[in-house]
Amino acid sequence: MSNTSERDITRVRLRFIDLVKSFFIEEPDAEKLSRWRGIFSALSAEQINPLLDGAVLQIMELLDSRSLKDIQDEFYALFSDPFGQDGISLSASFYADGKSHGQTLADFRGFLASAGVQKADSVRDAEDTLPVMIDCLASLIELEKEDEKKAKGLQDVLVSDYLGPLVQRLERALQDNEKAVFYQAFGHFMLGYTELDQALFEAV
């Protein structure tokens, strides 16, 4: 990536963020499944990092072998079923504090306030849930247009202190969940993505 421009890196990061978010914001439909197949087919031609590359191949195999209903049923069991026993939390507080709306949420809200980032009023999920945290990262990437040094410093804190630990814990929860097949592979993908993002800051 040494010959990749800053603008190209920003574009790629925003596309990865959009992809990660698409797995969690709502139950997938046929159009989304087709989009995923196209994206992961393109990613399979690239060499990014070992964890991410392996996850891409694993997800491609699962997209070929599992039906839309299989993936929809898995999504419902993991993220939507209010009465099921196999639900997976997307909250950083749940993993760090043992409960939703814990100290981690308060800390993250303080971080967002200092960064000048606000959650959209239409979003019901707490700030420390994965989809909202991903949205906040996208906002901080856009902030580079105004103050690149400040924006990158804030992104480093978000990824290292909040998003990275959440993804690690979520990935472990998915590995331990018998209902997670497709999303278990995606846990590997998220881990590879956050490692990639952290490496960008370490290289600065």
N, C-alpha and C. Protein backbone atom coordinates (compact mmCIF):
# COMPACT_ATOMS: atom_id res chain seq x y z
N MET A 1 0.81 -1.21 0.00
CA MET A 1 0.00 0.00 0.00
C MET A 1 0.85 1.27 0.00
N SER A 2 2.17 1.09 -0.20
CA SER A 2 3.07 2.23 -0.10
C SER A 2 2.79 3.26 -1.19
N ASN A 3 2.26 2.82 -2.35
CA ASN A 3 1.99 3.74 -3.44
C ASN A 3 0.55 4.25 -3.45
N THR A 4 -0.19 3.86 -2.43
CA THR A 4 -1.59 4.26 -2.34
C THR A 4 -1.69 5.65 -1.74
N SER A 5 -2.44 6.53 -2.40
CA SER A 5 -2.58 7.90 -1.91
C SER A 5 -3.48 7.95 -0.69
N GLU A 6 -3.38 9.05 0.05
CA GLU A 6 -4.23 9.26 1.23
C GLU A 6 -5.70 9.22 0.82
N ARG A 7 -6.00 9.81 -0.32
CA ARG A 7 -7.40 9.84 -0.78
C ARG A 7 -7.90 8.42 -1.05
N ASP A 8 -7.05 7.59 -1.66
CA ASP A 8 -7.44 6.20 -1.93
C ASP A 8 -7.66 5.43 -0.63
N ILE A 9 -6.77 5.65 0.34
CA ILE A 9 -6.91 4.96 1.63
C ILE A 9 -8.21 5.36 2.31
N THR A 10 -8.52 6.65 2.27
CA THR A 10 -9.76 7.13 2.86
C THR A 10 -10.97 6.48 2.19
N ARG A 11 -10.95 6.40 0.86
CA ARG A 11 -12.05 5.80 0.12
C ARG A 11 -12.22 4.33 0.50
N VAL A 12 -11.10 3.61 0.60
CA VAL A 12 -11.15 2.19 0.95
C VAL A 12 -11.67 2.00 2.37
N ARG A 13 -11.21 2.84 3.29
CA ARG A 13 -11.67 2.72 4.68
C ARG A 13 -13.17 2.95 4.79
N LEU A 14 -13.68 3.95 4.09
CA LEU A 14 -15.10 4.23 4.14
C LEU A 14 -15.92 3.09 3.53
N ARG A 15 -15.38 2.46 2.51
CA ARG A 15 -16.08 1.31 1.91
C ARG A 15 -16.09 0.13 2.86
N PHE A 16 -15.00 -0.10 3.55
CA PHE A 16 -14.96 -1.17 4.55
C PHE A 16 -15.96 -0.89 5.66
N ILE A 17 -16.01 0.35 6.11
CA ILE A 17 -16.94 0.74 7.17
C ILE A 17 -18.38 0.50 6.73
N ASP A 18 -18.70 0.89 5.51
CA ASP A 18 -20.05 0.68 4.97
C ASP A 18 -20.36 -0.81 4.90
N LEU A 19 -19.39 -1.62 4.54
CA LEU A 19 -19.59 -3.07 4.45
C LEU A 19 -19.85 -3.66 5.83
N VAL A 20 -19.01 -3.31 6.81
CA VAL A 20 -19.20 -3.82 8.17
C VAL A 20 -20.58 -3.46 8.70
N LYS A 21 -20.97 -2.22 8.52
CA LYS A 21 -22.27 -1.76 9.02
C LYS A 21 -23.40 -2.53 8.36
N SER A 22 -23.26 -2.87 7.07
CA SER A 22 -24.34 -3.52 6.34
C SER A 22 -24.69 -4.90 6.90
N PHE A 23 -23.77 -5.50 7.65
CA PHE A 23 -24.02 -6.82 8.21
C PHE A 23 -24.88 -6.78 9.47
N PHE A 24 -25.05 -5.60 10.05
CA PHE A 24 -25.70 -5.53 11.35
C PHE A 24 -26.93 -4.63 11.42
N ILE A 25 -27.11 -3.74 10.47
CA ILE A 25 -28.19 -2.75 10.64
C ILE A 25 -29.57 -3.34 10.39
N GLU A 26 -29.67 -4.38 9.58
CA GLU A 26 -30.97 -4.99 9.32
C GLU A 26 -30.77 -6.37 8.72
N GLU A 27 -31.84 -7.16 8.76
CA GLU A 27 -31.79 -8.50 8.20
C GLU A 27 -31.48 -8.42 6.71
N PRO A 28 -30.58 -9.25 6.21
CA PRO A 28 -30.21 -9.18 4.79
C PRO A 28 -31.35 -9.64 3.88
N ASP A 29 -31.39 -9.07 2.69
CA ASP A 29 -32.34 -9.50 1.67
C ASP A 29 -31.55 -9.95 0.44
N ALA A 30 -32.27 -10.33 -0.63
CA ALA A 30 -31.60 -10.86 -1.82
C ALA A 30 -30.67 -9.83 -2.46
N GLU A 31 -31.09 -8.57 -2.46
CA GLU A 31 -30.26 -7.52 -3.05
C GLU A 31 -28.95 -7.35 -2.29
N LYS A 32 -29.05 -7.38 -0.96
CA LYS A 32 -27.84 -7.22 -0.15
C LYS A 32 -26.92 -8.43 -0.32
N LEU A 33 -27.50 -9.62 -0.40
CA LEU A 33 -26.69 -10.82 -0.57
C LEU A 33 -25.92 -10.75 -1.89
N SER A 34 -26.58 -10.27 -2.94
CA SER A 34 -25.92 -10.12 -4.23
C SER A 34 -24.79 -9.10 -4.13
N ARG A 35 -25.03 -8.02 -3.41
CA ARG A 35 -23.99 -7.00 -3.24
C ARG A 35 -22.79 -7.58 -2.49
N TRP A 36 -23.05 -8.35 -1.43
CA TRP A 36 -21.97 -8.97 -0.67
C TRP A 36 -21.14 -9.89 -1.56
N ARG A 37 -21.82 -10.68 -2.39
CA ARG A 37 -21.10 -11.60 -3.27
C ARG A 37 -20.14 -10.83 -4.19
N GLY A 38 -20.62 -9.72 -4.73
CA GLY A 38 -19.77 -8.92 -5.61
C GLY A 38 -18.58 -8.33 -4.88
N ILE A 39 -18.82 -7.82 -3.68
CA ILE A 39 -17.75 -7.19 -2.90
C ILE A 39 -16.70 -8.21 -2.51
N PHE A 40 -17.13 -9.35 -1.99
CA PHE A 40 -16.16 -10.34 -1.51
C PHE A 40 -15.45 -11.04 -2.67
N SER A 41 -16.10 -11.13 -3.80
CA SER A 41 -15.42 -11.65 -4.98
C SER A 41 -14.27 -10.72 -5.38
N ALA A 42 -14.53 -9.42 -5.34
CA ALA A 42 -13.48 -8.44 -5.66
C ALA A 42 -12.36 -8.48 -4.62
N LEU A 43 -12.74 -8.59 -3.33
CA LEU A 43 -11.73 -8.62 -2.26
C LEU A 43 -10.85 -9.86 -2.34
N SER A 44 -11.40 -10.96 -2.86
CA SER A 44 -10.64 -12.21 -2.93
C SER A 44 -9.45 -12.10 -3.88
N ALA A 45 -9.49 -11.11 -4.76
CA ALA A 45 -8.39 -10.91 -5.71
C ALA A 45 -7.26 -10.08 -5.11
N GLU A 46 -7.49 -9.54 -3.90
CA GLU A 46 -6.49 -8.69 -3.24
C GLU A 46 -5.79 -9.46 -2.13
N GLN A 47 -4.61 -9.00 -1.77
CA GLN A 47 -3.89 -9.50 -0.60
C GLN A 47 -3.76 -8.35 0.37
N ILE A 48 -4.49 -8.42 1.48
CA ILE A 48 -4.56 -7.30 2.42
C ILE A 48 -3.80 -7.62 3.69
N ASN A 49 -4.31 -8.54 4.49
CA ASN A 49 -3.55 -9.11 5.60
C ASN A 49 -4.05 -10.54 5.79
N PRO A 50 -3.26 -11.42 6.41
CA PRO A 50 -3.63 -12.85 6.46
C PRO A 50 -5.00 -13.12 7.06
N LEU A 51 -5.34 -12.45 8.16
CA LEU A 51 -6.62 -12.69 8.80
C LEU A 51 -7.77 -12.25 7.91
N LEU A 52 -7.64 -11.08 7.31
CA LEU A 52 -8.69 -10.57 6.44
C LEU A 52 -8.82 -11.42 5.18
N ASP A 53 -7.70 -11.79 4.60
CA ASP A 53 -7.73 -12.60 3.38
C ASP A 53 -8.41 -13.95 3.63
N GLY A 54 -8.07 -14.59 4.75
CA GLY A 54 -8.69 -15.88 5.09
C GLY A 54 -10.17 -15.74 5.33
N ALA A 55 -10.56 -14.66 6.00
CA ALA A 55 -11.98 -14.43 6.28
C ALA A 55 -12.76 -14.20 5.00
N VAL A 56 -12.17 -13.47 4.06
CA VAL A 56 -12.84 -13.21 2.78
C VAL A 56 -13.15 -14.52 2.06
N LEU A 57 -12.18 -15.44 2.00
CA LEU A 57 -12.40 -16.72 1.34
C LEU A 57 -13.46 -17.54 2.07
N GLN A 58 -13.42 -17.49 3.40
CA GLN A 58 -14.40 -18.22 4.21
C GLN A 58 -15.81 -17.70 3.97
N ILE A 59 -15.95 -16.38 3.93
CA ILE A 59 -17.27 -15.77 3.69
C ILE A 59 -17.76 -16.10 2.28
N MET A 60 -16.88 -16.07 1.31
CA MET A 60 -17.28 -16.42 -0.06
C MET A 60 -17.83 -17.84 -0.13
N GLU A 61 -17.17 -18.77 0.55
CA GLU A 61 -17.65 -20.16 0.57
C GLU A 61 -19.03 -20.25 1.21
N LEU A 62 -19.23 -19.51 2.29
CA LEU A 62 -20.51 -19.54 2.99
C LEU A 62 -21.61 -18.87 2.17
N LEU A 63 -21.28 -17.81 1.44
CA LEU A 63 -22.27 -17.17 0.58
C LEU A 63 -22.71 -18.10 -0.55
N ASP A 64 -21.82 -19.00 -0.96
CA ASP A 64 -22.15 -19.98 -2.00
C ASP A 64 -22.93 -21.17 -1.44
N SER A 65 -22.64 -21.56 -0.20
CA SER A 65 -23.21 -22.79 0.34
C SER A 65 -24.47 -22.58 1.17
N ARG A 66 -24.69 -21.36 1.66
CA ARG A 66 -25.85 -21.10 2.52
C ARG A 66 -26.87 -20.25 1.76
N SER A 67 -28.14 -20.58 1.99
CA SER A 67 -29.22 -19.86 1.32
C SER A 67 -29.48 -18.53 2.01
N LEU A 68 -30.23 -17.67 1.32
CA LEU A 68 -30.63 -16.41 1.94
C LEU A 68 -31.39 -16.66 3.23
N LYS A 69 -32.28 -17.65 3.23
CA LYS A 69 -33.05 -17.94 4.44
C LYS A 69 -32.14 -18.40 5.58
N ASP A 70 -31.11 -19.19 5.27
CA ASP A 70 -30.16 -19.62 6.30
C ASP A 70 -29.55 -18.40 7.00
N ILE A 71 -29.11 -17.44 6.19
CA ILE A 71 -28.45 -16.26 6.74
C ILE A 71 -29.46 -15.37 7.46
N GLN A 72 -30.66 -15.26 6.92
CA GLN A 72 -31.71 -14.48 7.59
C GLN A 72 -32.07 -15.10 8.94
N ASP A 73 -32.20 -16.42 8.98
CA ASP A 73 -32.53 -17.10 10.24
C ASP A 73 -31.42 -16.92 11.27
N GLU A 74 -30.17 -16.96 10.79
CA GLU A 74 -29.04 -16.76 11.70
C GLU A 74 -29.04 -15.34 12.24
N PHE A 75 -29.27 -14.36 11.36
CA PHE A 75 -29.34 -12.97 11.80
C PHE A 75 -30.41 -12.80 12.87
N TYR A 76 -31.59 -13.37 12.63
CA TYR A 76 -32.69 -13.23 13.59
C TYR A 76 -32.32 -13.84 14.94
N ALA A 77 -31.75 -15.05 14.92
CA ALA A 77 -31.40 -15.73 16.16
C ALA A 77 -30.33 -14.97 16.94
N LEU A 78 -29.39 -14.37 16.23
CA LEU A 78 -28.27 -13.71 16.89
C LEU A 78 -28.58 -12.28 17.33
N PHE A 79 -29.35 -11.55 16.51
CA PHE A 79 -29.45 -10.10 16.73
C PHE A 79 -30.87 -9.55 16.88
N SER A 80 -31.90 -10.37 16.60
CA SER A 80 -33.25 -9.82 16.60
C SER A 80 -34.23 -10.51 17.55
N ASP A 81 -34.06 -11.79 17.77
CA ASP A 81 -35.03 -12.56 18.55
C ASP A 81 -35.06 -12.10 20.00
N PRO A 82 -36.16 -11.48 20.45
CA PRO A 82 -36.20 -10.97 21.83
C PRO A 82 -36.36 -12.06 22.88
N PHE A 83 -36.73 -13.27 22.46
CA PHE A 83 -37.01 -14.34 23.42
C PHE A 83 -36.01 -15.50 23.32
N GLY A 84 -35.11 -15.45 22.34
CA GLY A 84 -34.17 -16.53 22.14
C GLY A 84 -33.05 -16.55 23.16
N GLN A 85 -32.35 -17.67 23.22
CA GLN A 85 -31.24 -17.84 24.15
C GLN A 85 -29.88 -17.68 23.49
N ASP A 86 -29.88 -17.36 22.20
CA ASP A 86 -28.62 -17.33 21.45
C ASP A 86 -28.23 -15.94 21.00
N GLY A 87 -28.87 -14.92 21.59
CA GLY A 87 -28.60 -13.56 21.17
C GLY A 87 -27.18 -13.10 21.45
N ILE A 88 -26.67 -12.27 20.55
CA ILE A 88 -25.33 -11.70 20.67
C ILE A 88 -25.47 -10.19 20.85
N SER A 89 -24.86 -9.66 21.89
CA SER A 89 -24.91 -8.21 22.11
C SER A 89 -23.89 -7.51 21.23
N LEU A 90 -24.26 -6.34 20.74
CA LEU A 90 -23.35 -5.49 19.97
C LEU A 90 -22.87 -4.31 20.79
N SER A 91 -23.08 -4.36 22.10
CA SER A 91 -22.75 -3.25 23.01
C SER A 91 -21.39 -3.44 23.66
N ALA A 92 -20.55 -2.42 23.58
CA ALA A 92 -19.24 -2.48 24.23
C ALA A 92 -19.39 -2.60 25.75
N SER A 93 -20.38 -1.92 26.32
CA SER A 93 -20.60 -1.99 27.76
C SER A 93 -20.93 -3.40 28.22
N PHE A 94 -21.70 -4.12 27.40
CA PHE A 94 -22.09 -5.49 27.76
C PHE A 94 -20.85 -6.35 28.01
N TYR A 95 -19.85 -6.21 27.16
CA TYR A 95 -18.65 -7.04 27.29
C TYR A 95 -17.68 -6.48 28.32
N ALA A 96 -17.54 -5.17 28.39
CA ALA A 96 -16.56 -4.57 29.31
C ALA A 96 -17.08 -4.47 30.73
N ASP A 97 -18.39 -4.23 30.88
CA ASP A 97 -18.96 -3.94 32.21
C ASP A 97 -19.94 -5.00 32.68
N GLY A 98 -20.27 -5.96 31.81
CA GLY A 98 -21.21 -7.00 32.20
C GLY A 98 -22.66 -6.58 32.11
N LYS A 99 -22.94 -5.42 31.56
CA LYS A 99 -24.31 -4.94 31.39
C LYS A 99 -24.32 -3.86 30.32
N SER A 100 -25.47 -3.71 29.66
CA SER A 100 -25.62 -2.62 28.70
C SER A 100 -25.75 -1.31 29.45
N HIS A 101 -25.42 -0.22 28.80
CA HIS A 101 -25.48 1.12 29.41
C HIS A 101 -24.62 1.21 30.66
N GLY A 102 -23.41 0.67 30.57
CA GLY A 102 -22.47 0.72 31.69
C GLY A 102 -21.50 1.88 31.57
N GLN A 103 -20.42 1.80 32.33
CA GLN A 103 -19.44 2.87 32.37
C GLN A 103 -18.79 3.10 31.01
N THR A 104 -18.63 2.03 30.24
CA THR A 104 -18.01 2.18 28.93
C THR A 104 -18.83 3.10 28.03
N LEU A 105 -20.16 2.99 28.13
CA LEU A 105 -21.03 3.88 27.36
C LEU A 105 -20.83 5.33 27.80
N ALA A 106 -20.76 5.55 29.11
CA ALA A 106 -20.54 6.91 29.62
C ALA A 106 -19.20 7.45 29.14
N ASP A 107 -18.17 6.61 29.19
CA ASP A 107 -16.84 7.04 28.73
C ASP A 107 -16.85 7.36 27.24
N PHE A 108 -17.53 6.52 26.47
CA PHE A 108 -17.55 6.73 25.02
C PHE A 108 -18.35 7.99 24.68
N ARG A 109 -19.43 8.24 25.40
CA ARG A 109 -20.17 9.48 25.17
C ARG A 109 -19.30 10.70 25.47
N GLY A 110 -18.48 10.59 26.52
CA GLY A 110 -17.56 11.68 26.83
C GLY A 110 -16.55 11.89 25.72
N PHE A 111 -16.05 10.79 25.16
CA PHE A 111 -15.11 10.88 24.05
C PHE A 111 -15.77 11.56 22.85
N LEU A 112 -16.99 11.15 22.53
CA LEU A 112 -17.69 11.74 21.39
C LEU A 112 -17.95 13.23 21.59
N ALA A 113 -18.29 13.59 22.82
CA ALA A 113 -18.52 15.01 23.11
C ALA A 113 -17.25 15.81 22.88
N SER A 114 -16.11 15.28 23.33
CA SER A 114 -14.83 15.97 23.14
C SER A 114 -14.43 16.04 21.67
N ALA A 115 -14.90 15.04 20.89
CA ALA A 115 -14.59 15.01 19.46
C ALA A 115 -15.56 15.84 18.64
N GLY A 116 -16.66 16.26 19.26
CA GLY A 116 -17.66 17.04 18.54
C GLY A 116 -18.52 16.21 17.61
N VAL A 117 -18.68 14.92 17.94
CA VAL A 117 -19.47 14.01 17.12
C VAL A 117 -20.75 13.66 17.86
N GLN A 118 -21.88 13.73 17.17
CA GLN A 118 -23.17 13.41 17.77
C GLN A 118 -23.86 12.29 17.02
N LYS A 119 -24.54 11.43 17.78
CA LYS A 119 -25.35 10.38 17.16
C LYS A 119 -26.59 11.01 16.54
N ALA A 120 -26.99 10.52 15.38
CA ALA A 120 -28.19 11.04 14.73
C ALA A 120 -29.42 10.77 15.60
N ASP A 121 -30.33 11.71 15.64
CA ASP A 121 -31.53 11.58 16.47
C ASP A 121 -32.38 10.38 16.07
N SER A 122 -32.31 9.99 14.82
CA SER A 122 -33.12 8.87 14.33
C SER A 122 -32.59 7.51 14.76
N VAL A 123 -31.37 7.47 15.29
CA VAL A 123 -30.75 6.20 15.69
C VAL A 123 -31.13 5.87 17.13
N ARG A 124 -31.72 4.71 17.33
CA ARG A 124 -32.19 4.32 18.65
C ARG A 124 -31.11 3.62 19.48
N ASP A 125 -30.17 2.96 18.82
CA ASP A 125 -29.14 2.21 19.53
C ASP A 125 -28.23 3.13 20.32
N ALA A 126 -27.68 2.63 21.40
CA ALA A 126 -26.74 3.40 22.22
C ALA A 126 -25.46 3.67 21.44
N GLU A 127 -24.76 4.70 21.86
CA GLU A 127 -23.54 5.11 21.16
C GLU A 127 -22.46 4.03 21.13
N ASP A 128 -22.43 3.15 22.14
CA ASP A 128 -21.34 2.17 22.20
C ASP A 128 -21.69 0.85 21.52
N THR A 129 -22.76 0.82 20.72
CA THR A 129 -23.04 -0.37 19.92
C THR A 129 -22.23 -0.32 18.63
N LEU A 130 -21.95 -1.47 18.09
CA LEU A 130 -21.06 -1.55 16.93
C LEU A 130 -21.49 -0.70 15.73
N PRO A 131 -22.76 -0.76 15.28
CA PRO A 131 -23.12 0.05 14.12
C PRO A 131 -22.95 1.55 14.35
N VAL A 132 -23.28 2.03 15.57
CA VAL A 132 -23.14 3.46 15.86
C VAL A 132 -21.67 3.84 15.96
N MET A 133 -20.87 2.97 16.57
CA MET A 133 -19.44 3.23 16.68
C MET A 133 -18.79 3.31 15.31
N ILE A 134 -19.23 2.43 14.40
CA ILE A 134 -18.73 2.44 13.03
C ILE A 134 -19.11 3.75 12.34
N ASP A 135 -20.34 4.20 12.57
CA ASP A 135 -20.78 5.50 12.02
C ASP A 135 -19.91 6.63 12.53
N CYS A 136 -19.57 6.59 13.81
CA CYS A 136 -18.72 7.63 14.42
C CYS A 136 -17.34 7.63 13.78
N LEU A 137 -16.80 6.44 13.49
CA LEU A 137 -15.51 6.37 12.83
C LEU A 137 -15.58 7.01 11.44
N ALA A 138 -16.67 6.74 10.72
CA ALA A 138 -16.83 7.36 9.40
C ALA A 138 -16.88 8.88 9.51
N SER A 139 -17.56 9.39 10.55
CA SER A 139 -17.62 10.84 10.75
C SER A 139 -16.24 11.43 11.00
N LEU A 140 -15.42 10.71 11.77
CA LEU A 140 -14.07 11.19 12.06
C LEU A 140 -13.16 11.11 10.83
N ILE A 141 -13.41 10.16 9.96
CA ILE A 141 -12.65 10.10 8.71
C ILE A 141 -13.01 11.30 7.83
N GLU A 142 -14.29 11.65 7.80
CA GLU A 142 -14.73 12.82 7.03
C GLU A 142 -14.14 14.11 7.62
N LEU A 143 -13.89 14.11 8.93
CA LEU A 143 -13.35 15.28 9.61
C LEU A 143 -11.94 15.61 9.14
N GLU A 144 -11.26 14.64 8.51
CA GLU A 144 -9.90 14.87 8.01
C GLU A 144 -9.85 16.03 7.01
N LYS A 145 -10.98 16.28 6.34
CA LYS A 145 -11.02 17.37 5.37
C LYS A 145 -10.82 18.73 6.06
N GLU A 146 -11.20 18.81 7.33
CA GLU A 146 -11.10 20.07 8.07
C GLU A 146 -9.83 20.16 8.90
N ASP A 147 -9.49 19.05 9.59
CA ASP A 147 -8.31 19.05 10.46
C ASP A 147 -7.76 17.63 10.50
N GLU A 148 -6.86 17.34 9.58
CA GLU A 148 -6.37 15.96 9.41
C GLU A 148 -5.68 15.43 10.66
N LYS A 149 -4.80 16.23 11.27
CA LYS A 149 -4.06 15.75 12.43
C LYS A 149 -5.00 15.42 13.59
N LYS A 150 -5.93 16.33 13.89
CA LYS A 150 -6.88 16.09 14.97
C LYS A 150 -7.75 14.88 14.67
N ALA A 151 -8.24 14.78 13.44
CA ALA A 151 -9.13 13.69 13.07
C ALA A 151 -8.45 12.34 13.21
N LYS A 152 -7.21 12.25 12.78
CA LYS A 152 -6.49 10.97 12.87
C LYS A 152 -6.18 10.61 14.31
N GLY A 153 -5.89 11.61 15.14
CA GLY A 153 -5.67 11.34 16.55
C GLY A 153 -6.92 10.79 17.22
N LEU A 154 -8.07 11.37 16.88
CA LEU A 154 -9.34 10.90 17.44
C LEU A 154 -9.68 9.50 16.92
N GLN A 155 -9.40 9.24 15.66
CA GLN A 155 -9.64 7.90 15.11
C GLN A 155 -8.79 6.86 15.81
N ASP A 156 -7.56 7.21 16.09
CA ASP A 156 -6.65 6.30 16.79
C ASP A 156 -7.24 5.91 18.15
N VAL A 157 -7.74 6.89 18.89
CA VAL A 157 -8.35 6.61 20.19
C VAL A 157 -9.59 5.74 20.03
N LEU A 158 -10.44 6.07 19.07
CA LEU A 158 -11.68 5.32 18.87
C LEU A 158 -11.38 3.85 18.55
N VAL A 159 -10.46 3.65 17.60
CA VAL A 159 -10.16 2.28 17.17
C VAL A 159 -9.42 1.50 18.27
N SER A 160 -8.43 2.12 18.89
CA SER A 160 -7.59 1.42 19.87
C SER A 160 -8.30 1.18 21.20
N ASP A 161 -9.07 2.18 21.66
CA ASP A 161 -9.67 2.10 22.99
C ASP A 161 -11.09 1.58 23.02
N TYR A 162 -11.80 1.70 21.92
CA TYR A 162 -13.22 1.34 21.93
C TYR A 162 -13.59 0.30 20.88
N LEU A 163 -13.39 0.63 19.59
CA LEU A 163 -13.83 -0.27 18.54
C LEU A 163 -13.03 -1.57 18.53
N GLY A 164 -11.70 -1.48 18.65
CA GLY A 164 -10.87 -2.68 18.64
C GLY A 164 -11.24 -3.66 19.74
N PRO A 165 -11.30 -3.21 21.01
CA PRO A 165 -11.70 -4.12 22.10
C PRO A 165 -13.10 -4.71 21.90
N LEU A 166 -14.06 -3.90 21.41
CA LEU A 166 -15.40 -4.42 21.17
C LEU A 166 -15.37 -5.52 20.12
N VAL A 167 -14.67 -5.30 19.02
CA VAL A 167 -14.60 -6.30 17.95
C VAL A 167 -13.96 -7.58 18.45
N GLN A 168 -12.91 -7.47 19.26
CA GLN A 168 -12.26 -8.66 19.80
C GLN A 168 -13.21 -9.47 20.66
N ARG A 169 -13.97 -8.81 21.53
CA ARG A 169 -14.91 -9.51 22.41
C ARG A 169 -16.09 -10.06 21.63
N LEU A 170 -16.57 -9.31 20.66
CA LEU A 170 -17.67 -9.77 19.83
C LEU A 170 -17.24 -10.98 19.01
N GLU A 171 -16.05 -10.94 18.48
CA GLU A 171 -15.54 -12.08 17.70
C GLU A 171 -15.47 -13.34 18.56
N ARG A 172 -15.02 -13.21 19.81
CA ARG A 172 -14.97 -14.37 20.69
C ARG A 172 -16.37 -14.89 21.00
N ALA A 173 -17.32 -13.97 21.21
CA ALA A 173 -18.70 -14.37 21.48
C ALA A 173 -19.29 -15.13 20.30
N LEU A 174 -18.97 -14.70 19.09
CA LEU A 174 -19.46 -15.39 17.90
C LEU A 174 -18.84 -16.77 17.77
N GLN A 175 -17.56 -16.90 18.12
CA GLN A 175 -16.90 -18.21 18.04
C GLN A 175 -17.54 -19.20 19.01
N ASP A 176 -18.04 -18.69 20.13
CA ASP A 176 -18.61 -19.56 21.17
C ASP A 176 -20.10 -19.83 20.98
N ASN A 177 -20.70 -19.26 19.94
CA ASN A 177 -22.13 -19.37 19.74
C ASN A 177 -22.43 -20.40 18.65
N GLU A 178 -23.18 -21.45 19.00
CA GLU A 178 -23.45 -22.53 18.05
C GLU A 178 -24.31 -22.08 16.87
N LYS A 179 -25.08 -21.03 17.06
CA LYS A 179 -25.94 -20.54 15.98
C LYS A 179 -25.17 -19.72 14.96
N ALA A 180 -23.98 -19.26 15.33
CA ALA A 180 -23.20 -18.39 14.45
C ALA A 180 -22.35 -19.24 13.50
N VAL A 181 -22.68 -19.21 12.24
CA VAL A 181 -21.89 -19.89 11.21
C VAL A 181 -21.36 -18.83 10.24
N PHE A 182 -22.29 -18.19 9.55
CA PHE A 182 -21.90 -17.10 8.66
C PHE A 182 -21.28 -15.96 9.45
N TYR A 183 -21.89 -15.58 10.55
CA TYR A 183 -21.39 -14.43 11.32
C TYR A 183 -20.12 -14.77 12.10
N GLN A 184 -19.86 -16.03 12.30
CA GLN A 184 -18.58 -16.41 12.89
C GLN A 184 -17.44 -16.05 11.94
N ALA A 185 -17.64 -16.33 10.66
CA ALA A 185 -16.63 -15.95 9.66
C ALA A 185 -16.52 -14.45 9.57
N PHE A 186 -17.65 -13.76 9.69
CA PHE A 186 -17.59 -12.31 9.62
C PHE A 186 -16.90 -11.71 10.84
N GLY A 187 -16.95 -12.42 11.98
CA GLY A 187 -16.18 -11.98 13.14
C GLY A 187 -14.70 -11.93 12.82
N HIS A 188 -14.21 -12.93 12.08
CA HIS A 188 -12.80 -12.93 11.65
C HIS A 188 -12.52 -11.73 10.74
N PHE A 189 -13.47 -11.45 9.86
CA PHE A 189 -13.30 -10.33 8.93
C PHE A 189 -13.19 -9.01 9.70
N MET A 190 -14.07 -8.80 10.66
CA MET A 190 -14.03 -7.56 11.45
C MET A 190 -12.71 -7.43 12.19
N LEU A 191 -12.23 -8.55 12.73
CA LEU A 191 -10.96 -8.52 13.45
C LEU A 191 -9.83 -8.14 12.51
N GLY A 192 -9.84 -8.70 11.32
CA GLY A 192 -8.82 -8.36 10.33
C GLY A 192 -8.90 -6.90 9.92
N TYR A 193 -10.12 -6.38 9.81
CA TYR A 193 -10.28 -4.98 9.43
C TYR A 193 -9.74 -4.05 10.52
N THR A 194 -10.07 -4.31 11.78
CA THR A 194 -9.58 -3.42 12.84
C THR A 194 -8.06 -3.51 12.99
N GLU A 195 -7.50 -4.68 12.76
CA GLU A 195 -6.04 -4.80 12.76
C GLU A 195 -5.44 -3.93 11.66
N LEU A 196 -6.08 -3.92 10.51
CA LEU A 196 -5.62 -3.11 9.38
C LEU A 196 -5.68 -1.64 9.74
N ASP A 197 -6.77 -1.22 10.36
CA ASP A 197 -6.92 0.19 10.74
C ASP A 197 -5.89 0.58 11.80
N GLN A 198 -5.68 -0.27 12.79
CA GLN A 198 -4.70 0.04 13.83
C GLN A 198 -3.30 0.14 13.25
N ALA A 199 -3.00 -0.69 12.26
CA ALA A 199 -1.67 -0.65 11.62
C ALA A 199 -1.45 0.68 10.91
N LEU A 200 -2.51 1.28 10.38
CA LEU A 200 -2.38 2.58 9.73
C LEU A 200 -1.88 3.63 10.71
N PHE A 201 -2.41 3.60 11.94
CA PHE A 201 -2.02 4.60 12.94
C PHE A 201 -0.61 4.32 13.47
N GLU A 202 -0.28 3.04 13.59
CA GLU A 202 1.06 2.69 14.07
C GLU A 202 2.13 3.12 13.07
N ALA A 203 1.74 3.19 11.79
CA ALA A 203 2.71 3.54 10.75
C ALA A 203 2.95 5.04 10.66
N VAL A 204 2.06 5.83 11.32
CA VAL A 204 2.21 7.29 11.26
C VAL A 204 3.41 7.76 12.06
